[in-house]
């Protein structure tokens, strides 16, 4: 199916980003820290941001008519790429008496 409208390409990209984030939250549900993640607004904001970034990618990469499957793929690939970048980024050493180790971090949230 070919998609010609910019808004439709964004919508399909957002659906791809949403599919990726649903899979991410399913993966988190299998871990013990999922309850802590689900109760914090920071992680929900990160989830929404990932979906919106997925929606933004088709118009940035494509011009004119595009395949719906390609728009979906761009939307789904964007959160995965960003999550892998965050997980692979070098960790910084903490000062003595640093943050609470029992509190989940964004790095843990993005690690699948």
N, C-alpha and C. Protein backbone atom coordinates (compact mmCIF):
# COMPACT_ATOMS: atom_id res chain seq x y z
N UNK A 1 0.84 -1.17 0.00
CA UNK A 1 0.00 0.00 0.00
C UNK A 1 0.89 1.24 0.00
N UNK A 2 0.60 2.15 -0.87
CA UNK A 2 1.34 3.40 -0.97
C UNK A 2 0.63 4.49 -0.18
N UNK A 3 1.40 5.28 0.56
CA UNK A 3 0.85 6.35 1.38
C UNK A 3 1.36 7.66 0.81
N UNK A 4 0.45 8.55 0.47
CA UNK A 4 0.84 9.81 -0.16
C UNK A 4 0.75 11.00 0.80
N UNK A 5 -0.11 10.92 1.78
CA UNK A 5 -0.32 12.02 2.71
C UNK A 5 0.74 12.02 3.81
N UNK A 6 1.27 13.19 4.12
CA UNK A 6 2.28 13.32 5.16
C UNK A 6 1.75 12.88 6.52
N UNK A 7 0.52 13.28 6.85
CA UNK A 7 -0.07 12.91 8.14
C UNK A 7 -0.24 11.40 8.26
N UNK A 8 -0.57 10.74 7.15
CA UNK A 8 -0.73 9.28 7.17
C UNK A 8 0.62 8.59 7.37
N UNK A 9 1.67 9.12 6.76
CA UNK A 9 3.00 8.57 6.96
C UNK A 9 3.42 8.71 8.42
N UNK A 10 3.13 9.87 9.02
CA UNK A 10 3.44 10.09 10.44
C UNK A 10 2.64 9.15 11.33
N UNK A 11 1.37 8.96 11.01
CA UNK A 11 0.51 8.08 11.79
C UNK A 11 1.02 6.64 11.74
N UNK A 12 1.39 6.18 10.55
CA UNK A 12 1.90 4.81 10.43
C UNK A 12 3.24 4.68 11.14
N UNK A 13 4.08 5.72 11.08
CA UNK A 13 5.33 5.71 11.83
C UNK A 13 5.08 5.65 13.33
N UNK A 14 4.07 6.39 13.80
CA UNK A 14 3.72 6.36 15.22
C UNK A 14 3.21 4.99 15.63
N UNK A 15 2.47 4.33 14.75
CA UNK A 15 1.99 2.98 15.05
C UNK A 15 3.18 2.02 15.15
N UNK A 16 4.19 2.21 14.29
CA UNK A 16 5.40 1.40 14.38
C UNK A 16 6.13 1.66 15.69
N UNK A 17 6.24 2.93 16.09
CA UNK A 17 6.87 3.26 17.36
C UNK A 17 6.09 2.70 18.54
N UNK A 18 4.76 2.74 18.44
CA UNK A 18 3.92 2.18 19.49
C UNK A 18 4.11 0.67 19.59
N UNK A 19 4.18 0.00 18.46
CA UNK A 19 4.40 -1.45 18.47
C UNK A 19 5.72 -1.79 19.15
N UNK A 20 6.74 -1.02 18.86
CA UNK A 20 8.04 -1.25 19.48
C UNK A 20 7.97 -1.01 20.99
N UNK A 21 7.30 0.03 21.41
CA UNK A 21 7.20 0.33 22.84
C UNK A 21 6.33 -0.68 23.58
N UNK A 22 5.31 -1.20 22.93
CA UNK A 22 4.51 -2.28 23.54
C UNK A 22 5.40 -3.49 23.78
N UNK A 23 6.21 -3.82 22.81
CA UNK A 23 7.16 -4.93 22.97
C UNK A 23 8.16 -4.64 24.08
N UNK A 24 8.63 -3.39 24.17
CA UNK A 24 9.56 -2.99 25.22
C UNK A 24 8.92 -3.15 26.60
N UNK A 25 7.69 -2.68 26.78
CA UNK A 25 7.02 -2.81 28.07
C UNK A 25 6.70 -4.26 28.38
N UNK A 26 6.42 -5.06 27.37
CA UNK A 26 6.22 -6.50 27.60
C UNK A 26 7.51 -7.12 28.11
N UNK A 27 8.63 -6.74 27.51
CA UNK A 27 9.92 -7.23 27.97
C UNK A 27 10.20 -6.78 29.40
N UNK A 28 9.87 -5.53 29.72
CA UNK A 28 10.06 -5.03 31.08
C UNK A 28 9.17 -5.76 32.08
N UNK A 29 7.99 -6.20 31.65
CA UNK A 29 7.08 -6.88 32.56
C UNK A 29 7.65 -8.22 33.03
N UNK A 30 8.61 -8.74 32.30
CA UNK A 30 9.26 -9.99 32.67
C UNK A 30 10.40 -9.78 33.68
N UNK A 31 10.70 -8.52 33.97
CA UNK A 31 11.77 -8.19 34.91
C UNK A 31 11.16 -7.70 36.22
N UNK A 32 11.94 -7.75 37.27
CA UNK A 32 11.42 -7.37 38.58
C UNK A 32 11.23 -5.86 38.74
N UNK A 33 11.94 -5.06 37.97
CA UNK A 33 11.86 -3.60 38.12
C UNK A 33 10.69 -2.98 37.35
N UNK A 34 9.91 -3.78 36.66
CA UNK A 34 8.83 -3.23 35.83
C UNK A 34 7.82 -2.44 36.64
N UNK A 35 7.53 -2.85 37.85
CA UNK A 35 6.57 -2.14 38.69
C UNK A 35 7.08 -0.74 39.01
N UNK A 36 8.38 -0.63 39.31
CA UNK A 36 8.96 0.68 39.61
C UNK A 36 8.92 1.59 38.38
N UNK A 37 9.18 1.02 37.21
CA UNK A 37 9.13 1.81 35.99
C UNK A 37 7.71 2.30 35.71
N UNK A 38 6.74 1.43 35.88
CA UNK A 38 5.37 1.78 35.51
C UNK A 38 4.76 2.84 36.43
N UNK A 39 5.32 3.05 37.60
CA UNK A 39 4.77 4.03 38.53
C UNK A 39 5.45 5.40 38.43
N UNK A 40 6.40 5.55 37.54
CA UNK A 40 7.12 6.81 37.42
C UNK A 40 6.76 7.52 36.11
N UNK A 41 6.46 8.79 36.21
CA UNK A 41 6.09 9.57 35.03
C UNK A 41 7.25 9.72 34.05
N UNK A 42 8.48 9.71 34.54
CA UNK A 42 9.65 9.88 33.67
C UNK A 42 9.67 8.80 32.59
N UNK A 43 9.37 7.58 32.95
CA UNK A 43 9.44 6.48 31.99
C UNK A 43 8.27 6.51 31.02
N UNK A 44 7.11 7.00 31.46
CA UNK A 44 5.99 7.15 30.53
C UNK A 44 6.25 8.29 29.55
N UNK A 45 6.90 9.34 30.03
CA UNK A 45 7.27 10.44 29.13
C UNK A 45 8.29 9.95 28.10
N UNK A 46 9.24 9.14 28.54
CA UNK A 46 10.22 8.56 27.61
C UNK A 46 9.53 7.67 26.59
N UNK A 47 8.53 6.92 27.01
CA UNK A 47 7.79 6.05 26.10
C UNK A 47 7.05 6.88 25.05
N UNK A 48 6.38 7.93 25.49
CA UNK A 48 5.64 8.80 24.55
C UNK A 48 6.62 9.49 23.61
N UNK A 49 7.76 9.92 24.13
CA UNK A 49 8.77 10.57 23.28
C UNK A 49 9.27 9.61 22.21
N UNK A 50 9.46 8.35 22.54
CA UNK A 50 9.90 7.35 21.56
C UNK A 50 8.85 7.16 20.46
N UNK A 51 7.60 7.13 20.84
CA UNK A 51 6.53 6.98 19.85
C UNK A 51 6.49 8.20 18.93
N UNK A 52 6.62 9.39 19.51
CA UNK A 52 6.61 10.62 18.69
C UNK A 52 7.83 10.70 17.78
N UNK A 53 8.98 10.25 18.25
CA UNK A 53 10.16 10.20 17.38
C UNK A 53 9.94 9.22 16.23
N UNK A 54 9.28 8.12 16.52
CA UNK A 54 8.93 7.17 15.45
C UNK A 54 8.02 7.82 14.42
N UNK A 55 7.11 8.68 14.87
CA UNK A 55 6.21 9.39 13.95
C UNK A 55 6.95 10.42 13.13
N UNK A 56 8.03 10.98 13.68
CA UNK A 56 8.77 12.04 12.98
C UNK A 56 9.70 11.50 11.90
N UNK A 57 10.07 10.25 11.97
CA UNK A 57 11.07 9.72 11.04
C UNK A 57 10.61 9.60 9.59
N UNK A 58 9.41 9.11 9.30
CA UNK A 58 9.04 9.01 7.87
C UNK A 58 9.14 10.32 7.10
N UNK A 59 8.63 11.45 7.62
CA UNK A 59 8.79 12.67 6.82
C UNK A 59 10.23 13.15 6.72
N UNK A 60 11.07 12.79 7.69
CA UNK A 60 12.47 13.18 7.62
C UNK A 60 13.25 12.36 6.59
N UNK A 61 12.90 11.10 6.45
CA UNK A 61 13.61 10.22 5.52
C UNK A 61 13.01 10.18 4.13
N UNK A 62 11.71 10.33 4.04
CA UNK A 62 11.01 10.08 2.78
C UNK A 62 10.48 11.38 2.18
N UNK A 63 10.34 11.36 0.87
CA UNK A 63 9.71 12.47 0.16
C UNK A 63 8.65 11.89 -0.77
N UNK A 64 7.48 12.49 -0.73
CA UNK A 64 6.41 12.03 -1.61
C UNK A 64 5.79 10.74 -1.15
N UNK A 65 5.38 9.93 -2.12
CA UNK A 65 4.72 8.67 -1.85
C UNK A 65 5.70 7.65 -1.27
N UNK A 66 5.24 6.91 -0.27
CA UNK A 66 6.08 5.88 0.36
C UNK A 66 5.23 4.67 0.71
N UNK A 67 5.88 3.57 0.86
CA UNK A 67 5.22 2.34 1.26
C UNK A 67 4.80 2.44 2.72
N UNK A 68 3.61 1.94 3.04
CA UNK A 68 3.15 1.93 4.43
C UNK A 68 4.06 1.06 5.28
N UNK A 69 4.56 -0.03 4.72
CA UNK A 69 5.46 -0.91 5.45
C UNK A 69 6.77 -0.19 5.78
N UNK A 70 7.28 0.61 4.87
CA UNK A 70 8.50 1.37 5.12
C UNK A 70 8.27 2.40 6.23
N UNK A 71 7.13 3.07 6.21
CA UNK A 71 6.80 4.04 7.26
C UNK A 71 6.72 3.35 8.62
N UNK A 72 6.08 2.18 8.65
CA UNK A 72 5.98 1.41 9.90
C UNK A 72 7.37 1.00 10.38
N UNK A 73 8.19 0.54 9.46
CA UNK A 73 9.54 0.10 9.80
C UNK A 73 10.37 1.26 10.36
N UNK A 74 10.30 2.42 9.75
CA UNK A 74 11.02 3.59 10.26
C UNK A 74 10.54 3.96 11.66
N UNK A 75 9.24 3.90 11.87
CA UNK A 75 8.69 4.21 13.18
C UNK A 75 9.12 3.22 14.24
N UNK A 76 9.19 1.95 13.90
CA UNK A 76 9.58 0.92 14.86
C UNK A 76 11.08 0.89 15.08
N UNK A 77 11.86 1.21 14.07
CA UNK A 77 13.31 1.14 14.19
C UNK A 77 13.88 2.29 15.02
N UNK A 78 13.23 3.43 15.01
CA UNK A 78 13.75 4.59 15.73
C UNK A 78 13.88 4.35 17.23
N UNK A 79 12.84 3.86 17.94
CA UNK A 79 13.03 3.59 19.37
C UNK A 79 14.09 2.53 19.64
N UNK A 80 14.16 1.52 18.81
CA UNK A 80 15.16 0.47 19.02
C UNK A 80 16.57 1.05 18.90
N UNK A 81 16.80 1.85 17.87
CA UNK A 81 18.13 2.46 17.70
C UNK A 81 18.49 3.37 18.87
N UNK A 82 17.55 4.19 19.29
CA UNK A 82 17.83 5.08 20.41
C UNK A 82 18.05 4.31 21.71
N UNK A 83 17.28 3.27 21.93
CA UNK A 83 17.45 2.46 23.13
C UNK A 83 18.80 1.76 23.14
N UNK A 84 19.23 1.28 22.00
CA UNK A 84 20.53 0.62 21.91
C UNK A 84 21.66 1.62 22.11
N UNK A 85 21.49 2.84 21.61
CA UNK A 85 22.51 3.87 21.83
C UNK A 85 22.65 4.22 23.31
N UNK A 86 21.52 4.36 23.99
CA UNK A 86 21.55 4.69 25.41
C UNK A 86 22.17 3.54 26.20
N UNK A 87 21.79 2.31 25.87
CA UNK A 87 22.31 1.15 26.60
C UNK A 87 23.81 0.96 26.36
N UNK A 88 24.29 1.34 25.19
CA UNK A 88 25.70 1.15 24.85
C UNK A 88 26.58 2.32 25.26
N UNK A 89 25.98 3.42 25.67
CA UNK A 89 26.77 4.59 26.06
C UNK A 89 27.58 4.26 27.30
N UNK A 90 28.80 4.79 27.38
CA UNK A 90 29.62 4.49 28.55
C UNK A 90 28.98 5.06 29.82
N UNK A 91 29.05 4.29 30.88
CA UNK A 91 28.49 4.78 32.15
C UNK A 91 29.53 5.64 32.85
N UNK A 92 29.05 6.65 33.50
CA UNK A 92 29.92 7.57 34.21
C UNK A 92 30.04 7.11 35.66
N UNK A 93 31.18 7.32 36.23
CA UNK A 93 31.36 6.94 37.62
C UNK A 93 30.60 7.91 38.51
N UNK A 94 30.09 7.37 39.60
CA UNK A 94 29.33 8.19 40.55
C UNK A 94 30.25 8.67 41.66
N UNK A 95 29.95 9.83 42.15
CA UNK A 95 30.66 10.34 43.31
C UNK A 95 30.25 9.53 44.53
N UNK A 96 31.04 9.56 45.56
CA UNK A 96 30.70 8.84 46.78
C UNK A 96 29.37 9.35 47.30
N UNK A 97 28.54 8.40 47.73
CA UNK A 97 27.21 8.78 48.21
C UNK A 97 26.31 9.19 47.07
N UNK A 98 26.50 8.57 45.89
CA UNK A 98 25.73 8.93 44.69
C UNK A 98 24.27 8.59 44.81
N UNK A 99 23.64 8.36 43.69
CA UNK A 99 22.20 8.13 43.65
C UNK A 99 21.84 6.79 44.27
N UNK A 100 20.58 6.64 44.58
CA UNK A 100 20.07 5.42 45.20
C UNK A 100 20.13 4.27 44.20
N UNK A 101 20.83 3.20 44.54
CA UNK A 101 21.00 2.08 43.63
C UNK A 101 19.72 1.27 43.46
N UNK A 102 18.77 1.37 44.41
CA UNK A 102 17.53 0.61 44.31
C UNK A 102 16.54 1.26 43.35
N UNK A 103 16.76 2.52 43.04
CA UNK A 103 15.87 3.25 42.12
C UNK A 103 16.28 2.94 40.69
N UNK A 104 15.32 2.51 39.84
CA UNK A 104 15.68 2.20 38.46
C UNK A 104 16.10 3.46 37.69
N UNK A 105 17.05 3.28 36.80
CA UNK A 105 17.56 4.41 36.03
C UNK A 105 17.05 4.35 34.59
N UNK A 106 17.25 5.44 33.85
CA UNK A 106 16.88 5.44 32.44
C UNK A 106 17.70 4.42 31.67
N UNK A 107 18.96 4.23 32.05
CA UNK A 107 19.79 3.22 31.39
C UNK A 107 19.17 1.84 31.55
N UNK A 108 18.68 1.52 32.76
CA UNK A 108 18.04 0.23 32.98
C UNK A 108 16.73 0.14 32.21
N UNK A 109 16.03 1.25 32.11
CA UNK A 109 14.76 1.27 31.38
C UNK A 109 14.99 0.97 29.89
N UNK A 110 16.05 1.53 29.33
CA UNK A 110 16.30 1.35 27.91
C UNK A 110 16.98 0.03 27.59
N UNK A 111 17.55 -0.62 28.57
CA UNK A 111 18.20 -1.91 28.33
C UNK A 111 17.13 -2.99 28.21
N UNK A 112 17.13 -3.71 27.12
CA UNK A 112 16.19 -4.80 26.93
C UNK A 112 16.82 -6.01 27.51
